[in-house]
Amino acid sequence: MSFPTSIKQYQQRIGPVSITYEVAGSGPPLVLIHGLAGSSWWWSRNVKCLAQHFRVYVIDLVGFGASQNGHPFVLEEAAAVLVQWLDHLDIARAAFVGHSMGGFVVADLAADWPDRVSQLVLVDAAALPFDRQARHLPMDMLRAVRYIPFSFFPILLADTCRAGPVTLLKAAYELLTTDIRAKLVHIHTPTLVVWGEYDMLVPLQVGKQLCRYLPGAEKLVVIKQAGHNPMWDRPAAFNQTIIDFLHSSPANHT
């Protein structure tokens, strides 16, 4: 199957921060948001396929990837920055896909600005408080490494270095200590929850719990033989899951 190859990169100044993002395809807007230590690279196995159906925007959150401008990442400000970015591009509403920490960000966005989110996809989302103590996190991460394909390690290492320890530790701390459960129950946006079968970092049980909090959750799709990054581990299955949902689910008209 042939995919469009035209992917353009842009930078947009938003107040004190600068956002780097890539654009491909045409059609309804679809925004992909990476997780902790991530970047647009994490979606490199998905963009060209999704761009056959949508106008795909892939953003590097402030402090990550190519959005390096000395301004610190603030988890609770991330959704507001995305809304300002939408305004600059004159995008009234878009579908959002958020992975891991990006799932937290887009859930926060859907709760506070429901009129800007037509459909929502939460992928192995770190949107619920961790029920394990922070001291267990390093061991959880070591277990998760077992399910990371060797091909992904160069990207993970490069993005970790680009973000740096200060940004990573600050973002991880905020993610571990910020509770948005009270917001989740107000998200009526049509929502798909996607999880990797072997996610050891944010286990499948979290995905099942997340569905119970979300009034708009339509279903939970488990990507077989995938870990915490199903969009990389099993791109064909992941891409088709996203396409099917966005085509079949009615858009939010809040």
C-alpha atoms as a PDB file:
ATOM      1  CA  MET A   1       0.000   0.000   0.000  1.00  0.00           C
ATOM      2  CA  SER A   2       1.362   3.430  -0.908  1.00  0.00           C
ATOM      3  CA  PHE A   3       1.201   6.215   1.659  1.00  0.00           C
ATOM      4  CA  PRO A   4       1.585   9.964   1.147  1.00  0.00           C
ATOM      5  CA  THR A   5       5.142  11.021   1.922  1.00  0.00           C
ATOM      6  CA  SER A   6       4.732  14.769   2.336  1.00  0.00           C
ATOM      7  CA  ILE A   7       5.265  15.622   5.996  1.00  0.00           C
ATOM      8  CA  LYS A   8       6.034  19.254   6.768  1.00  0.00           C
ATOM      9  CA  GLN A   9       7.452  20.650  10.004  1.00  0.00           C
ATOM     10  CA  TYR A  10       6.491  24.009  11.506  1.00  0.00           C
ATOM     11  CA  GLN A  11       7.135  26.087  14.605  1.00  0.00           C
ATOM     12  CA  GLN A  12       4.524  28.223  16.309  1.00  0.00           C
ATOM     13  CA  ARG A  13       5.265  30.808  18.977  1.00  0.00           C
ATOM     14  CA  ILE A  14       2.662  30.829  21.742  1.00  0.00           C
ATOM     15  CA  GLY A  15       3.454  33.456  24.357  1.00  0.00           C
ATOM     16  CA  PRO A  16       6.751  32.509  25.997  1.00  0.00           C
ATOM     17  CA  VAL A  17       6.888  29.033  24.425  1.00  0.00           C
ATOM     18  CA  SER A  18       7.500  27.669  20.950  1.00  0.00           C
ATOM     19  CA  ILE A  19       5.760  24.538  19.687  1.00  0.00           C
ATOM     20  CA  THR A  20       7.255  22.351  16.961  1.00  0.00           C
ATOM     21  CA  TYR A  21       4.789  20.230  15.040  1.00  0.00           C
ATOM     22  CA  GLU A  22       4.474  18.212  11.844  1.00  0.00           C
ATOM     23  CA  VAL A  23       1.560  18.115   9.415  1.00  0.00           C
ATOM     24  CA  ALA A  24       0.562  15.496   6.836  1.00  0.00           C
ATOM     25  CA  GLY A  25      -2.507  14.613   4.808  1.00  0.00           C
ATOM     26  CA  SER A  26      -5.874  16.271   4.367  1.00  0.00           C
ATOM     27  CA  GLY A  27      -9.299  15.838   5.890  1.00  0.00           C
ATOM     28  CA  PRO A  28     -10.677  16.261   9.415  1.00  0.00           C
ATOM     29  CA  PRO A  29      -7.976  17.387  11.884  1.00  0.00           C
ATOM     30  CA  LEU A  30      -6.368  14.685  14.017  1.00  0.00           C
ATOM     31  CA  VAL A  31      -3.796  15.635  16.669  1.00  0.00           C
ATOM     32  CA  LEU A  32      -1.302  13.112  18.093  1.00  0.00           C
ATOM     33  CA  ILE A  33       0.243  13.822  21.511  1.00  0.00           C
ATOM     34  CA  HIS A  34       3.234  11.842  22.799  1.00  0.00           C
ATOM     35  CA  GLY A  35       4.002  10.724  26.337  1.00  0.00           C
ATOM     36  CA  LEU A  36       6.778  11.260  28.868  1.00  0.00           C
ATOM     37  CA  ALA A  37      10.239  11.345  27.239  1.00  0.00           C
ATOM     38  CA  GLY A  38       8.512  11.222  23.861  1.00  0.00           C
ATOM     39  CA  SER A  39       8.335  13.249  20.664  1.00  0.00           C
ATOM     40  CA  SER A  40       6.773  13.181  17.215  1.00  0.00           C
ATOM     41  CA  TRP A  41       9.182  10.342  16.391  1.00  0.00           C
ATOM     42  CA  TRP A  42       7.058   7.966  18.461  1.00  0.00           C
ATOM     43  CA  TRP A  43       4.295   8.274  15.843  1.00  0.00           C
ATOM     44  CA  SER A  44       6.540   7.683  12.840  1.00  0.00           C
ATOM     45  CA  ARG A  45       4.891   4.310  12.114  1.00  0.00           C
ATOM     46  CA  ASN A  46       1.418   5.842  12.109  1.00  0.00           C
ATOM     47  CA  VAL A  47       1.421   9.266  10.472  1.00  0.00           C
ATOM     48  CA  LYS A  48       1.559   8.264   6.811  1.00  0.00           C
ATOM     49  CA  CYS A  49      -1.226   5.719   7.177  1.00  0.00           C
ATOM     50  CA  LEU A  50      -3.477   8.027   9.208  1.00  0.00           C
ATOM     51  CA  ALA A  51      -2.775  10.864   6.763  1.00  0.00           C
ATOM     52  CA  GLN A  52      -4.689   8.932   4.107  1.00  0.00           C
ATOM     53  CA  HIS A  53      -7.842   9.724   6.066  1.00  0.00           C
ATOM     54  CA  PHE A  54      -7.123  12.830   8.136  1.00  0.00           C
ATOM     55  CA  ARG A  55      -5.050  15.973   8.310  1.00  0.00           C
ATOM     56  CA  VAL A  56      -2.613  14.761  10.937  1.00  0.00           C
ATOM     57  CA  TYR A  57      -0.829  17.094  13.339  1.00  0.00           C
ATOM     58  CA  VAL A  58       1.976  15.643  15.460  1.00  0.00           C
ATOM     59  CA  ILE A  59       3.129  17.908  18.282  1.00  0.00           C
ATOM     60  CA  ASP A  60       6.243  17.983  20.438  1.00  0.00           C
ATOM     61  CA  LEU A  61       5.097  19.156  23.869  1.00  0.00           C
ATOM     62  CA  VAL A  62       7.003  22.023  25.477  1.00  0.00           C
ATOM     63  CA  GLY A  63      10.384  20.783  26.712  1.00  0.00           C
ATOM     64  CA  PHE A  64      10.295  17.613  24.614  1.00  0.00           C
ATOM     65  CA  GLY A  65      11.498  16.654  21.156  1.00  0.00           C
ATOM     66  CA  ALA A  66      12.178  19.709  19.014  1.00  0.00           C
ATOM     67  CA  SER A  67      10.154  22.062  21.257  1.00  0.00           C
ATOM     68  CA  GLN A  68      13.244  23.086  23.200  1.00  0.00           C
ATOM     69  CA  ASN A  69      13.236  26.781  24.081  1.00  0.00           C
ATOM     70  CA  GLY A  70      14.252  26.978  27.709  1.00  0.00           C
ATOM     71  CA  HIS A  71      10.674  27.171  28.979  1.00  0.00           C
ATOM     72  CA  PRO A  72       9.876  24.455  31.546  1.00  0.00           C
ATOM     73  CA  PHE A  73       7.206  21.851  30.932  1.00  0.00           C
ATOM     74  CA  VAL A  74       4.203  22.293  33.243  1.00  0.00           C
ATOM     75  CA  LEU A  75       1.736  19.407  33.090  1.00  0.00           C
ATOM     76  CA  GLU A  76      -1.314  21.394  34.161  1.00  0.00           C
ATOM     77  CA  GLU A  77      -0.557  24.097  31.560  1.00  0.00           C
ATOM     78  CA  ALA A  78      -0.116  21.687  28.651  1.00  0.00           C
ATOM     79  CA  ALA A  79      -3.803  21.542  27.699  1.00  0.00           C
ATOM     80  CA  ALA A  80      -4.103  25.341  27.717  1.00  0.00           C
ATOM     81  CA  VAL A  81      -1.068  25.618  25.426  1.00  0.00           C
ATOM     82  CA  LEU A  82      -2.720  23.186  23.006  1.00  0.00           C
ATOM     83  CA  VAL A  83      -5.891  25.301  22.951  1.00  0.00           C
ATOM     84  CA  GLN A  84      -3.828  28.392  22.111  1.00  0.00           C
ATOM     85  CA  TRP A  85      -2.086  26.398  19.391  1.00  0.00           C
ATOM     86  CA  LEU A  86      -5.475  25.410  17.939  1.00  0.00           C
ATOM     87  CA  ASP A  87      -6.472  29.079  17.962  1.00  0.00           C
ATOM     88  CA  HIS A  88      -3.322  30.092  16.064  1.00  0.00           C
ATOM     89  CA  LEU A  89      -4.101  27.514  13.386  1.00  0.00           C
ATOM     90  CA  ASP A  90      -7.816  28.418  13.289  1.00  0.00           C
ATOM     91  CA  ILE A  91      -8.781  24.845  14.160  1.00  0.00           C
ATOM     92  CA  ALA A  92     -12.149  24.995  15.887  1.00  0.00           C
ATOM     93  CA  ARG A  93     -12.291  21.317  16.855  1.00  0.00           C
ATOM     94  CA  ALA A  94     -10.118  18.267  16.359  1.00  0.00           C
ATOM     95  CA  ALA A  95      -9.874  14.616  17.275  1.00  0.00           C
ATOM     96  CA  PHE A  96      -7.073  13.962  19.763  1.00  0.00           C
ATOM     97  CA  VAL A  97      -4.982  10.854  20.379  1.00  0.00           C
ATOM     98  CA  GLY A  98      -2.883  10.950  23.547  1.00  0.00           C
ATOM     99  CA  HIS A  99      -0.342   8.333  24.591  1.00  0.00           C
ATOM    100  CA  SER A 100       0.688   7.771  28.233  1.00  0.00           C
ATOM    101  CA  MET A 101       1.315  11.261  29.695  1.00  0.00           C
ATOM    102  CA  GLY A 102      -0.186  12.614  26.480  1.00  0.00           C
ATOM    103  CA  GLY A 103      -3.366  10.785  27.464  1.00  0.00           C
ATOM    104  CA  PHE A 104      -3.433  12.814  30.673  1.00  0.00           C
ATOM    105  CA  VAL A 105      -2.987  16.024  28.675  1.00  0.00           C
ATOM    106  CA  VAL A 106      -5.754  15.353  26.145  1.00  0.00           C
ATOM    107  CA  ALA A 107      -8.153  14.121  28.849  1.00  0.00           C
ATOM    108  CA  ASP A 108      -7.511  17.373  30.715  1.00  0.00           C
ATOM    109  CA  LEU A 109      -8.192  19.244  27.477  1.00  0.00           C
ATOM    110  CA  ALA A 110     -11.438  17.378  26.804  1.00  0.00           C
ATOM    111  CA  ALA A 111     -12.642  18.069  30.349  1.00  0.00           C
ATOM    112  CA  ASP A 112     -11.915  21.808  30.350  1.00  0.00           C
ATOM    113  CA  TRP A 113     -12.549  22.596  26.662  1.00  0.00           C
ATOM    114  CA  PRO A 114     -15.079  19.975  25.469  1.00  0.00           C
ATOM    115  CA  ASP A 115     -16.071  22.116  22.485  1.00  0.00           C
ATOM    116  CA  ARG A 116     -12.536  21.799  21.056  1.00  0.00           C
ATOM    117  CA  VAL A 117     -12.403  17.981  21.082  1.00  0.00           C
ATOM    118  CA  SER A 118     -14.553  16.112  18.555  1.00  0.00           C
ATOM    119  CA  GLN A 119     -13.329  12.620  19.489  1.00  0.00           C
ATOM    120  CA  LEU A 120     -10.827  11.300  21.996  1.00  0.00           C
ATOM    121  CA  VAL A 121      -8.457   8.328  21.940  1.00  0.00           C
ATOM    122  CA  LEU A 122      -6.537   7.455  25.101  1.00  0.00           C
ATOM    123  CA  VAL A 123      -3.602   5.108  24.503  1.00  0.00           C
ATOM    124  CA  ASP A 124      -2.089   3.413  27.578  1.00  0.00           C
ATOM    125  CA  ALA A 125      -2.978   6.677  29.259  1.00  0.00           C
ATOM    126  CA  ALA A 126      -1.415   7.748  32.556  1.00  0.00           C
ATOM    127  CA  ALA A 127      -4.614   9.566  33.488  1.00  0.00           C
ATOM    128  CA  LEU A 128      -5.284   7.890  36.845  1.00  0.00           C
ATOM    129  CA  PRO A 129      -3.223   8.188  40.049  1.00  0.00           C
ATOM    130  CA  PHE A 130      -0.629   5.463  40.376  1.00  0.00           C
ATOM    131  CA  ASP A 131      -1.796   3.041  43.062  1.00  0.00           C
ATOM    132  CA  ARG A 132       1.770   1.890  43.659  1.00  0.00           C
ATOM    133  CA  GLN A 133       4.279   3.940  45.613  1.00  0.00           C
ATOM    134  CA  ALA A 134       6.760   5.944  43.570  1.00  0.00           C
ATOM    135  CA  ARG A 135       9.607   3.776  44.893  1.00  0.00           C
ATOM    136  CA  HIS A 136       8.207   0.878  42.840  1.00  0.00           C
ATOM    137  CA  LEU A 137       8.340   2.863  39.598  1.00  0.00           C
ATOM    138  CA  PRO A 138      11.960   2.024  38.678  1.00  0.00           C
ATOM    139  CA  MET A 139      11.193  -1.706  38.976  1.00  0.00           C
ATOM    140  CA  ASP A 140       8.019  -1.284  36.900  1.00  0.00           C
ATOM    141  CA  MET A 141      10.075   0.479  34.239  1.00  0.00           C
ATOM    142  CA  LEU A 142      12.628  -2.330  34.210  1.00  0.00           C
ATOM    143  CA  ARG A 143       9.864  -4.882  33.703  1.00  0.00           C
ATOM    144  CA  ALA A 144       8.418  -2.745  30.914  1.00  0.00           C
ATOM    145  CA  VAL A 145      11.752  -2.822  29.070  1.00  0.00           C
ATOM    146  CA  ARG A 146      11.183  -6.522  28.327  1.00  0.00           C
ATOM    147  CA  TYR A 147       8.391  -5.551  25.942  1.00  0.00           C
ATOM    148  CA  ILE A 148      10.154  -2.696  24.124  1.00  0.00           C
ATOM    149  CA  PRO A 149      11.263  -3.728  20.613  1.00  0.00           C
ATOM    150  CA  PHE A 150      14.968  -3.285  19.962  1.00  0.00           C
ATOM    151  CA  SER A 151      14.122  -0.944  17.066  1.00  0.00           C
ATOM    152  CA  PHE A 152      12.554   1.526  19.505  1.00  0.00           C
ATOM    153  CA  PHE A 153      15.555   1.912  21.820  1.00  0.00           C
ATOM    154  CA  PRO A 154      17.478   4.454  19.669  1.00  0.00           C
ATOM    155  CA  ILE A 155      14.427   6.734  19.599  1.00  0.00           C
ATOM    156  CA  LEU A 156      13.803   6.333  23.325  1.00  0.00           C
ATOM    157  CA  LEU A 157      17.437   7.107  24.122  1.00  0.00           C
ATOM    158  CA  ALA A 158      17.585  10.125  21.800  1.00  0.00           C
ATOM    159  CA  ASP A 159      14.350  11.620  23.130  1.00  0.00           C
ATOM    160  CA  THR A 160      15.387  11.019  26.735  1.00  0.00           C
ATOM    161  CA  CYS A 161      18.621  12.907  26.092  1.00  0.00           C
ATOM    162  CA  ARG A 162      16.808  15.729  24.298  1.00  0.00           C
ATOM    163  CA  ALA A 163      14.409  16.260  27.184  1.00  0.00           C
ATOM    164  CA  GLY A 164      17.095  15.968  29.858  1.00  0.00           C
ATOM    165  CA  PRO A 165      16.824  14.829  33.480  1.00  0.00           C
ATOM    166  CA  VAL A 166      15.310  18.038  34.869  1.00  0.00           C
ATOM    167  CA  THR A 167      12.351  18.036  32.479  1.00  0.00           C
ATOM    168  CA  LEU A 168      11.821  14.293  32.824  1.00  0.00           C
ATOM    169  CA  LEU A 169      11.889  14.276  36.620  1.00  0.00           C
ATOM    170  CA  LYS A 170       9.654  17.341  36.863  1.00  0.00           C
ATOM    171  CA  ALA A 171       7.112  15.916  34.432  1.00  0.00           C
ATOM    172  CA  ALA A 172       7.169  12.507  36.139  1.00  0.00           C
ATOM    173  CA  TYR A 173       6.641  14.096  39.557  1.00  0.00           C
ATOM    174  CA  GLU A 174       3.697  16.161  38.307  1.00  0.00           C
ATOM    175  CA  LEU A 175       2.199  13.113  36.620  1.00  0.00           C
ATOM    176  CA  LEU A 176       2.482  11.071  39.814  1.00  0.00           C
ATOM    177  CA  THR A 177       1.001  13.764  42.049  1.00  0.00           C
ATOM    178  CA  THR A 178      -1.798  15.299  39.942  1.00  0.00           C
ATOM    179  CA  ASP A 179      -5.264  13.758  40.203  1.00  0.00           C
ATOM    180  CA  ILE A 180      -7.844  14.571  37.505  1.00  0.00           C
ATOM    181  CA  ARG A 181     -10.387  11.875  38.348  1.00  0.00           C
ATOM    182  CA  ALA A 182     -12.958  14.533  39.275  1.00  0.00           C
ATOM    183  CA  LYS A 183     -12.613  15.900  35.742  1.00  0.00           C
ATOM    184  CA  LEU A 184     -12.796  12.556  33.963  1.00  0.00           C
ATOM    185  CA  VAL A 185     -16.402  11.955  35.014  1.00  0.00           C
ATOM    186  CA  HIS A 186     -17.446  15.045  33.036  1.00  0.00           C
ATOM    187  CA  ILE A 187     -15.923  13.932  29.722  1.00  0.00           C
ATOM    188  CA  HIS A 188     -18.827  13.017  27.453  1.00  0.00           C
ATOM    189  CA  THR A 189     -16.763  13.243  24.276  1.00  0.00           C
ATOM    190  CA  PRO A 190     -16.888   9.974  22.275  1.00  0.00           C
ATOM    191  CA  THR A 191     -13.825   8.163  23.594  1.00  0.00           C
ATOM    192  CA  LEU A 192     -11.847   5.093  22.615  1.00  0.00           C
ATOM    193  CA  VAL A 193      -9.458   3.552  25.127  1.00  0.00           C
ATOM    194  CA  VAL A 194      -6.583   1.575  23.575  1.00  0.00           C
ATOM    195  CA  TRP A 195      -4.118  -0.540  25.558  1.00  0.00           C
ATOM    196  CA  GLY A 196      -1.135  -2.746  24.884  1.00  0.00           C
ATOM    197  CA  GLU A 197      -1.743  -6.300  26.094  1.00  0.00           C
ATOM    198  CA  TYR A 198       1.637  -6.490  27.841  1.00  0.00           C
ATOM    199  CA  ASP A 199       1.949  -2.953  29.217  1.00  0.00           C
ATOM    200  CA  MET A 200       3.920  -3.351  32.448  1.00  0.00           C
ATOM    201  CA  LEU A 201       4.306   0.394  33.081  1.00  0.00           C
ATOM    202  CA  VAL A 202       0.621   1.338  33.026  1.00  0.00           C
ATOM    203  CA  PRO A 203      -1.076  -2.077  33.233  1.00  0.00           C
ATOM    204  CA  LEU A 204      -4.228  -3.053  31.371  1.00  0.00           C
ATOM    205  CA  GLN A 205      -6.179  -2.957  34.626  1.00  0.00           C
ATOM    206  CA  VAL A 206      -5.712   0.828  34.610  1.00  0.00           C
ATOM    207  CA  GLY A 207      -7.376   0.984  31.205  1.00  0.00           C
ATOM    208  CA  LYS A 208     -10.361  -0.950  32.516  1.00  0.00           C
ATOM    209  CA  GLN A 209     -10.635   1.414  35.491  1.00  0.00           C
ATOM    210  CA  LEU A 210     -10.320   4.418  33.202  1.00  0.00           C
ATOM    211  CA  CYS A 211     -13.315   3.297  31.151  1.00  0.00           C
ATOM    212  CA  ARG A 212     -15.457   3.305  34.277  1.00  0.00           C
ATOM    213  CA  TYR A 213     -14.631   6.964  34.921  1.00  0.00           C
ATOM    214  CA  LEU A 214     -15.410   8.175  31.393  1.00  0.00           C
ATOM    215  CA  PRO A 215     -19.096   8.625  30.466  1.00  0.00           C
ATOM    216  CA  GLY A 216     -18.081   8.943  26.819  1.00  0.00           C
ATOM    217  CA  ALA A 217     -15.984   5.773  26.711  1.00  0.00           C
ATOM    218  CA  GLU A 218     -17.340   3.577  23.918  1.00  0.00           C
ATOM    219  CA  LYS A 219     -15.008   0.618  24.271  1.00  0.00           C
ATOM    220  CA  LEU A 220     -11.608  -0.668  25.323  1.00  0.00           C
ATOM    221  CA  VAL A 221      -9.484  -2.174  22.560  1.00  0.00           C
ATOM    222  CA  VAL A 222      -6.528  -4.339  23.593  1.00  0.00           C
ATOM    223  CA  ILE A 223      -3.703  -4.497  21.052  1.00  0.00           C
ATOM    224  CA  LYS A 224      -2.343  -8.035  21.203  1.00  0.00           C
ATOM    225  CA  GLN A 225       1.391  -8.636  21.643  1.00  0.00           C
ATOM    226  CA  ALA A 226       2.025  -4.951  22.348  1.00  0.00           C
ATOM    227  CA  GLY A 227       3.571  -3.252  25.351  1.00  0.00           C
ATOM    228  CA  HIS A 228       3.299   0.342  26.553  1.00  0.00           C
ATOM    229  CA  ASN A 229       3.750   1.706  23.014  1.00  0.00           C
ATOM    230  CA  PRO A 230       1.216  -0.171  20.861  1.00  0.00           C
ATOM    231  CA  MET A 231       1.440   2.423  18.086  1.00  0.00           C
ATOM    232  CA  TRP A 232       5.065   1.348  17.583  1.00  0.00           C
ATOM    233  CA  ASP A 233       4.820  -2.327  18.538  1.00  0.00           C
ATOM    234  CA  ARG A 234       1.834  -3.188  16.326  1.00  0.00           C
ATOM    235  CA  PRO A 235       1.337  -0.217  13.985  1.00  0.00           C
ATOM    236  CA  ALA A 236      -0.977  -1.920  11.476  1.00  0.00           C
ATOM    237  CA  ALA A 237      -3.447  -3.040  14.150  1.00  0.00           C
ATOM    238  CA  PHE A 238      -3.156   0.280  15.961  1.00  0.00           C
ATOM    239  CA  ASN A 239      -3.703   2.405  12.852  1.00  0.00           C
ATOM    240  CA  GLN A 240      -6.760   0.437  11.766  1.00  0.00           C
ATOM    241  CA  THR A 241      -8.231   0.673  15.271  1.00  0.00           C
ATOM    242  CA  ILE A 242      -7.910   4.466  15.235  1.00  0.00           C
ATOM    243  CA  ILE A 243      -9.282   4.808  11.694  1.00  0.00           C
ATOM    244  CA  ASP A 244     -12.275   2.560  12.393  1.00  0.00           C
ATOM    245  CA  PHE A 245     -13.192   4.453  15.555  1.00  0.00           C
ATOM    246  CA  LEU A 246     -12.871   7.934  14.075  1.00  0.00           C
ATOM    247  CA  HIS A 247     -14.915   6.945  11.026  1.00  0.00           C
ATOM    248  CA  SER A 248     -17.655   5.126  12.934  1.00  0.00           C
ATOM    249  CA  SER A 249     -18.045   7.174  16.113  1.00  0.00           C
ATOM    250  CA  PRO A 250     -20.201  10.324  15.963  1.00  0.00           C
ATOM    251  CA  ALA A 251     -18.211  13.468  16.673  1.00  0.00           C
ATOM    252  CA  ASN A 252     -18.803  15.426  19.860  1.00  0.00           C
ATOM    253  CA  HIS A 253     -21.170  18.336  19.245  1.00  0.00           C
ATOM    254  CA  THR A 254     -20.861  19.946  22.675  1.00  0.00           C
END
